[in-house]
Amino acid sequence: MGLSNFIFNLRLKHSTNNNRANLLRKKGIRIGNGSDISANVFWGSEPYLITLGNNVRVARNVTFITHDGGMWVLRNLNKLENADKFGPITIKDNVHIGMNVTIMPGVTIGNNCIIGCNAVVTKDIPDNSIVVGVPAKVIETIDEYYEKNKDNVEPTKNLSLKDKKQYLMNKYNL
């Protein structure tokens, strides 16, 4: 990694979410409004092939892969001289990408999707889907996810860290 990449990554790590999005846009990533992007994301060697819609959350250690590294083997076998293979990655609106997810070249993730932690997304994901696994597979719709969880949630989203801790400590008798 060159000095300029090191400095860029350092700035990215220590920036606010808004500044992080602006820095990533300078690398060519198209990012919609209202996104929440962790500092520890690997954007691949062709970040300009990545598009994030509005209200996309990208958790820690997500990896975007925009090229097929397997071409290395074919080039070395003299099967495809100078060959490279690329694919853009498109994440549509209102998507949560969990920790340690890997998204492969040429994938589109539809609107209103949740990608579970550690999933490897190798194919397009339809709108309103929850996917998990290696390779990632649809396990339910967003409506099924809502029905399953609507009666088991906590009203802590807008609490301070102190108030949330107290609420949870009381709830679980800790």
Protein backbone atom coordinates (compact mmCIF):
# COMPACT_ATOMS: atom_id res chain seq x y z
CA MET A 1 0.00 0.00 0.00
CA GLY A 2 1.41 3.37 -1.02
CA LEU A 3 1.70 6.34 1.31
CA SER A 4 -1.28 8.08 -0.30
CA ASN A 5 -3.50 4.99 0.31
CA PHE A 6 -2.25 4.78 3.88
CA ILE A 7 -3.12 8.44 4.51
CA PHE A 8 -6.50 8.03 2.79
CA ASN A 9 -7.35 4.99 4.95
CA LEU A 10 -6.24 6.82 8.09
CA ARG A 11 -8.48 9.79 7.22
CA LEU A 12 -11.34 7.39 6.46
CA LYS A 13 -10.97 5.60 9.79
CA HIS A 14 -11.04 8.80 11.81
CA SER A 15 -13.73 10.68 9.90
CA THR A 16 -17.39 11.24 10.69
CA ASN A 17 -19.98 9.36 8.67
CA ASN A 18 -20.69 12.39 6.42
CA ASN A 19 -17.02 13.07 5.81
CA ARG A 20 -16.43 9.35 5.19
CA ALA A 21 -19.10 9.32 2.46
CA ASN A 22 -17.51 12.38 0.83
CA LEU A 23 -14.04 10.80 0.91
CA LEU A 24 -15.41 7.62 -0.66
CA ARG A 25 -17.15 9.63 -3.37
CA LYS A 26 -13.73 11.07 -4.27
CA LYS A 27 -12.59 7.46 -4.87
CA GLY A 28 -15.46 7.09 -7.34
CA ILE A 29 -18.01 5.24 -5.22
CA ARG A 30 -21.54 6.49 -5.86
CA ILE A 31 -23.30 6.90 -2.51
CA GLY A 32 -26.90 8.01 -1.96
CA ASN A 33 -28.25 10.01 0.94
CA GLY A 34 -28.66 8.83 4.53
CA SER A 35 -26.09 6.05 4.39
CA ASP A 36 -24.18 4.79 7.44
CA ILE A 37 -20.79 3.40 6.49
CA SER A 38 -18.27 1.86 8.86
CA ALA A 39 -14.65 2.93 8.62
CA ASN A 40 -13.41 -0.67 8.29
CA VAL A 41 -14.71 -1.58 4.84
CA PHE A 42 -12.63 -2.93 1.95
CA TRP A 43 -13.76 -1.28 -1.28
CA GLY A 44 -11.70 -3.41 -3.65
CA SER A 45 -9.32 -2.34 -6.35
CA GLU A 46 -12.05 -0.78 -8.54
CA PRO A 47 -14.17 1.23 -6.08
CA TYR A 48 -15.61 3.24 -8.99
CA LEU A 49 -17.63 0.12 -9.94
CA ILE A 50 -19.60 0.30 -6.66
CA THR A 51 -22.95 2.08 -6.22
CA LEU A 52 -24.77 2.45 -2.88
CA GLY A 53 -28.35 3.72 -2.89
CA ASN A 54 -30.08 5.81 -0.23
CA ASN A 55 -30.17 4.67 3.41
CA VAL A 56 -27.61 1.91 3.05
CA ARG A 57 -25.81 0.69 6.17
CA VAL A 58 -22.45 -1.01 5.66
CA ALA A 59 -21.12 -2.61 8.86
CA ARG A 60 -17.51 -3.34 9.84
CA ASN A 61 -15.26 -5.56 7.75
CA VAL A 62 -17.52 -5.75 4.70
CA THR A 63 -15.60 -6.60 1.51
CA PHE A 64 -16.63 -5.51 -1.98
CA ILE A 65 -14.88 -7.52 -4.69
CA THR A 66 -15.23 -6.06 -8.17
CA HIS A 67 -12.95 -8.39 -10.13
CA ASP A 68 -12.39 -12.12 -10.56
CA GLY A 69 -8.97 -12.97 -9.15
CA GLY A 70 -9.19 -16.42 -10.71
CA MET A 71 -8.05 -14.91 -14.01
CA TRP A 72 -4.54 -15.13 -12.51
CA VAL A 73 -4.57 -18.91 -13.02
CA LEU A 74 -5.87 -18.73 -16.60
CA ARG A 75 -3.26 -16.11 -17.53
CA ASN A 76 -0.50 -18.29 -16.07
CA LEU A 77 -1.77 -21.28 -18.09
CA ASN A 78 -1.56 -19.11 -21.21
CA LYS A 79 -5.31 -19.66 -21.71
CA LEU A 80 -6.36 -15.99 -21.64
CA GLU A 81 -3.38 -13.72 -22.04
CA ASN A 82 -3.81 -10.34 -20.32
CA ALA A 83 -7.35 -11.32 -19.23
CA ASP A 84 -9.23 -9.58 -16.45
CA LYS A 85 -12.88 -9.97 -15.54
CA PHE A 86 -14.86 -7.28 -13.73
CA GLY A 87 -18.39 -6.74 -12.48
CA PRO A 88 -20.06 -3.69 -10.95
CA ILE A 89 -21.75 -4.00 -7.55
CA THR A 90 -25.04 -2.19 -6.99
CA ILE A 91 -26.73 -1.88 -3.61
CA LYS A 92 -30.19 -0.35 -3.90
CA ASP A 93 -32.11 1.64 -1.25
CA ASN A 94 -32.71 0.79 2.41
CA VAL A 95 -30.26 -2.07 2.78
CA HIS A 96 -28.37 -3.31 5.85
CA ILE A 97 -25.13 -5.20 5.14
CA GLY A 98 -23.96 -7.01 8.28
CA MET A 99 -20.45 -7.46 9.61
CA ASN A 100 -17.92 -9.50 7.63
CA VAL A 101 -20.09 -9.81 4.50
CA THR A 102 -18.36 -10.36 1.16
CA ILE A 103 -20.07 -9.15 -2.01
CA MET A 104 -18.78 -10.61 -5.26
CA PRO A 105 -18.50 -8.96 -8.71
CA GLY A 106 -21.62 -8.32 -10.75
CA VAL A 107 -24.06 -8.53 -7.82
CA THR A 108 -27.10 -6.31 -7.37
CA ILE A 109 -28.83 -6.23 -3.98
CA GLY A 110 -32.43 -5.05 -4.22
CA ASN A 111 -34.35 -2.54 -2.12
CA ASN A 112 -35.25 -3.23 1.53
CA CYS A 113 -32.84 -6.09 2.13
CA ILE A 114 -30.91 -7.38 5.13
CA ILE A 115 -27.66 -9.24 4.47
CA GLY A 116 -26.72 -11.31 7.54
CA CYS A 117 -23.26 -11.29 9.10
CA ASN A 118 -20.57 -13.36 7.36
CA ALA A 119 -22.67 -13.97 4.23
CA VAL A 120 -20.97 -14.32 0.87
CA VAL A 121 -23.23 -12.78 -1.77
CA THR A 122 -22.53 -14.40 -5.14
CA LYS A 123 -25.85 -13.73 -6.93
CA ASP A 124 -28.40 -10.94 -7.23
CA ILE A 125 -30.73 -10.53 -4.23
CA PRO A 126 -34.38 -9.63 -4.93
CA ASP A 127 -36.14 -6.71 -3.21
CA ASN A 128 -37.50 -7.27 0.31
CA SER A 129 -35.25 -10.23 1.13
CA ILE A 130 -33.30 -11.44 4.14
CA VAL A 131 -30.22 -13.45 3.15
CA VAL A 132 -27.63 -15.39 5.14
CA GLY A 133 -24.97 -18.01 4.57
CA VAL A 134 -22.15 -19.07 2.31
CA PRO A 135 -23.20 -18.70 -0.40
CA ALA A 136 -25.94 -16.31 0.70
CA LYS A 137 -29.51 -17.58 0.29
CA VAL A 138 -32.87 -15.92 0.85
CA ILE A 139 -34.38 -17.22 4.11
CA GLU A 140 -37.42 -14.96 4.41
CA THR A 141 -39.02 -11.76 3.18
CA ILE A 142 -38.83 -8.43 4.93
CA ASP A 143 -42.54 -8.81 5.83
CA GLU A 144 -41.89 -12.20 7.46
CA TYR A 145 -38.96 -10.67 9.35
CA TYR A 146 -41.23 -7.86 10.59
CA GLU A 147 -43.96 -10.28 11.72
CA LYS A 148 -41.43 -12.43 13.54
CA ASN A 149 -39.89 -9.48 15.40
CA LYS A 150 -42.61 -6.86 15.90
CA ASP A 151 -43.61 -8.06 19.39
CA ASN A 152 -40.04 -8.64 20.63
CA VAL A 153 -38.28 -5.31 20.22
CA GLU A 154 -37.07 -2.76 22.75
CA PRO A 155 -37.78 1.00 22.57
CA THR A 156 -34.12 1.96 23.00
CA LYS A 157 -33.14 3.52 19.66
CA ASN A 158 -33.23 7.13 20.89
CA LEU A 159 -32.00 6.53 24.45
CA SER A 160 -28.63 7.77 25.60
CA LEU A 161 -26.00 5.07 26.11
CA LYS A 162 -26.43 5.45 29.88
CA ASP A 163 -30.23 5.15 29.71
CA LYS A 164 -30.06 2.20 27.33
CA LYS A 165 -27.62 0.40 29.65
CA GLN A 166 -29.91 0.98 32.62
CA TYR A 167 -32.97 -0.19 30.68
CA LEU A 168 -31.26 -3.41 29.56
CA MET A 169 -29.71 -4.10 32.97
CA ASN A 170 -33.16 -3.80 34.56
CA LYS A 171 -34.84 -5.90 31.87
CA TYR A 172 -32.37 -8.76 32.25
CA ASN A 173 -31.96 -8.41 36.05
CA LEU A 174 -28.23 -7.83 35.83
